[in-house]
Amino acid sequence: MTWRRKKFFQEAYDLWVNKKMCVCLGNEDMLCGIGAGAIKTALEMKGVRLMTFNDRTSKGYAYVSIESIRAKKKFDY
């Protein structure tokens, strides 16, 4: 397993593992690669929405609002 941290876009930093983005931290949201199998469960949580880019949905990626995970219990999910 290899990992790297790099600046992504202008105001975000992300973590890559085996050439796949796992987490991207921005000013207001955190983009998480959670896998296609876990996306339905994650979308039931407050503050989670699908990642869309150019009107296309990315499979297995979701935005999580920073406000919705301020409590450690919610972040540990």
C-alpha atoms as a PDB file:
ATOM      1  CA  MET A   1       0.000   0.000   0.000  1.00  0.00           C
ATOM      2  CA  THR A   2       1.293   3.434  -0.883  1.00  0.00           C
ATOM      3  CA  TRP A   3      -0.125   6.790   0.125  1.00  0.00           C
ATOM      4  CA  ARG A   4       0.511  10.434  -0.571  1.00  0.00           C
ATOM      5  CA  ARG A   5      -0.873  13.789   0.444  1.00  0.00           C
ATOM      6  CA  LYS A   6      -1.205  16.519  -2.126  1.00  0.00           C
ATOM      7  CA  LYS A   7      -2.920  19.820  -2.658  1.00  0.00           C
ATOM      8  CA  PHE A   8      -6.047  19.335  -4.749  1.00  0.00           C
ATOM      9  CA  PHE A   9      -7.935  22.147  -6.440  1.00  0.00           C
ATOM     10  CA  GLN A  10      -7.154  25.490  -4.787  1.00  0.00           C
ATOM     11  CA  GLU A  11      -8.388  25.240  -1.227  1.00  0.00           C
ATOM     12  CA  ALA A  12      -8.313  21.525  -0.457  1.00  0.00           C
ATOM     13  CA  TYR A  13      -5.909  18.773   0.561  1.00  0.00           C
ATOM     14  CA  ASP A  14      -6.406  15.105  -0.077  1.00  0.00           C
ATOM     15  CA  LEU A  15      -5.083  11.684   0.852  1.00  0.00           C
ATOM     16  CA  TRP A  16      -4.501   9.035  -1.826  1.00  0.00           C
ATOM     17  CA  VAL A  17      -3.971   5.306  -1.242  1.00  0.00           C
ATOM     18  CA  ASN A  18      -2.905   3.038  -4.093  1.00  0.00           C
ATOM     19  CA  LYS A  19      -3.606   5.813  -6.625  1.00  0.00           C
ATOM     20  CA  LYS A  20      -7.203   6.286  -5.409  1.00  0.00           C
ATOM     21  CA  MET A  21      -8.416   9.322  -3.522  1.00  0.00           C
ATOM     22  CA  CYS A  22      -9.729   8.406  -0.069  1.00  0.00           C
ATOM     23  CA  VAL A  23     -10.389  11.770   1.577  1.00  0.00           C
ATOM     24  CA  CYS A  24     -10.330  15.355   0.364  1.00  0.00           C
ATOM     25  CA  LEU A  25     -10.634  18.151   2.925  1.00  0.00           C
ATOM     26  CA  GLY A  26     -12.035  21.477   1.847  1.00  0.00           C
ATOM     27  CA  ASN A  27     -13.285  24.571   3.629  1.00  0.00           C
ATOM     28  CA  GLU A  28     -16.885  23.411   4.050  1.00  0.00           C
ATOM     29  CA  ASP A  29     -17.032  19.743   3.081  1.00  0.00           C
ATOM     30  CA  MET A  30     -15.043  16.555   3.251  1.00  0.00           C
ATOM     31  CA  LEU A  31     -15.136  14.301   0.189  1.00  0.00           C
ATOM     32  CA  CYS A  32     -14.908  10.637   1.175  1.00  0.00           C
ATOM     33  CA  GLY A  33     -14.373   7.547  -0.899  1.00  0.00           C
ATOM     34  CA  ILE A  34     -16.632   5.099   0.928  1.00  0.00           C
ATOM     35  CA  GLY A  35     -17.295   2.498  -1.734  1.00  0.00           C
ATOM     36  CA  ALA A  36     -20.373   1.762  -3.792  1.00  0.00           C
ATOM     37  CA  GLY A  37     -21.658  -0.797  -1.277  1.00  0.00           C
ATOM     38  CA  ALA A  38     -21.795   1.657   1.635  1.00  0.00           C
ATOM     39  CA  ILE A  39     -23.230   4.657  -0.183  1.00  0.00           C
ATOM     40  CA  LYS A  40     -26.923   3.944   0.593  1.00  0.00           C
ATOM     41  CA  THR A  41     -26.274   3.731   4.331  1.00  0.00           C
ATOM     42  CA  ALA A  42     -24.110   6.852   4.314  1.00  0.00           C
ATOM     43  CA  LEU A  43     -26.749   8.897   2.483  1.00  0.00           C
ATOM     44  CA  GLU A  44     -29.193   8.242   5.332  1.00  0.00           C
ATOM     45  CA  MET A  45     -26.967  10.309   7.645  1.00  0.00           C
ATOM     46  CA  LYS A  46     -27.500  14.034   8.094  1.00  0.00           C
ATOM     47  CA  GLY A  47     -25.090  16.168   6.071  1.00  0.00           C
ATOM     48  CA  VAL A  48     -24.101  13.504   3.519  1.00  0.00           C
ATOM     49  CA  ARG A  49     -24.749  13.941  -0.193  1.00  0.00           C
ATOM     50  CA  LEU A  50     -23.576  12.288  -3.399  1.00  0.00           C
ATOM     51  CA  MET A  51     -20.592  13.685  -5.232  1.00  0.00           C
ATOM     52  CA  THR A  52     -21.599  15.115  -8.574  1.00  0.00           C
ATOM     53  CA  PHE A  53     -19.301  16.580 -11.196  1.00  0.00           C
ATOM     54  CA  ASN A  54     -20.585  18.018 -14.472  1.00  0.00           C
ATOM     55  CA  ASP A  55     -24.057  16.596 -13.744  1.00  0.00           C
ATOM     56  CA  ARG A  56     -22.641  13.077 -13.276  1.00  0.00           C
ATOM     57  CA  THR A  57     -22.699  11.139 -10.023  1.00  0.00           C
ATOM     58  CA  SER A  58     -19.448   9.538  -8.909  1.00  0.00           C
ATOM     59  CA  LYS A  59     -19.938   5.992  -7.636  1.00  0.00           C
ATOM     60  CA  GLY A  60     -18.664   5.404  -4.125  1.00  0.00           C
ATOM     61  CA  TYR A  61     -17.880   9.039  -3.273  1.00  0.00           C
ATOM     62  CA  ALA A  62     -19.890  11.345  -1.034  1.00  0.00           C
ATOM     63  CA  TYR A  63     -19.560  14.829   0.429  1.00  0.00           C
ATOM     64  CA  VAL A  64     -19.885  15.108   4.198  1.00  0.00           C
ATOM     65  CA  SER A  65     -20.506  18.535   5.691  1.00  0.00           C
ATOM     66  CA  ILE A  66     -17.966  19.530   8.322  1.00  0.00           C
ATOM     67  CA  GLU A  67     -20.769  20.656  10.650  1.00  0.00           C
ATOM     68  CA  SER A  68     -22.348  17.201  10.630  1.00  0.00           C
ATOM     69  CA  ILE A  69     -19.221  15.471  11.970  1.00  0.00           C
ATOM     70  CA  ARG A  70     -18.044  17.900  14.632  1.00  0.00           C
ATOM     71  CA  ALA A  71     -18.991  15.417  17.359  1.00  0.00           C
ATOM     72  CA  LYS A  72     -16.464  12.571  17.705  1.00  0.00           C
ATOM     73  CA  LYS A  73     -19.238   9.949  17.820  1.00  0.00           C
ATOM     74  CA  LYS A  74     -20.506  11.017  14.402  1.00  0.00           C
ATOM     75  CA  PHE A  75     -16.994  11.238  12.948  1.00  0.00           C
ATOM     76  CA  ASP A  76     -16.126   7.710  14.092  1.00  0.00           C
ATOM     77  CA  TYR A  77     -18.921   6.298  11.937  1.00  0.00           C
END
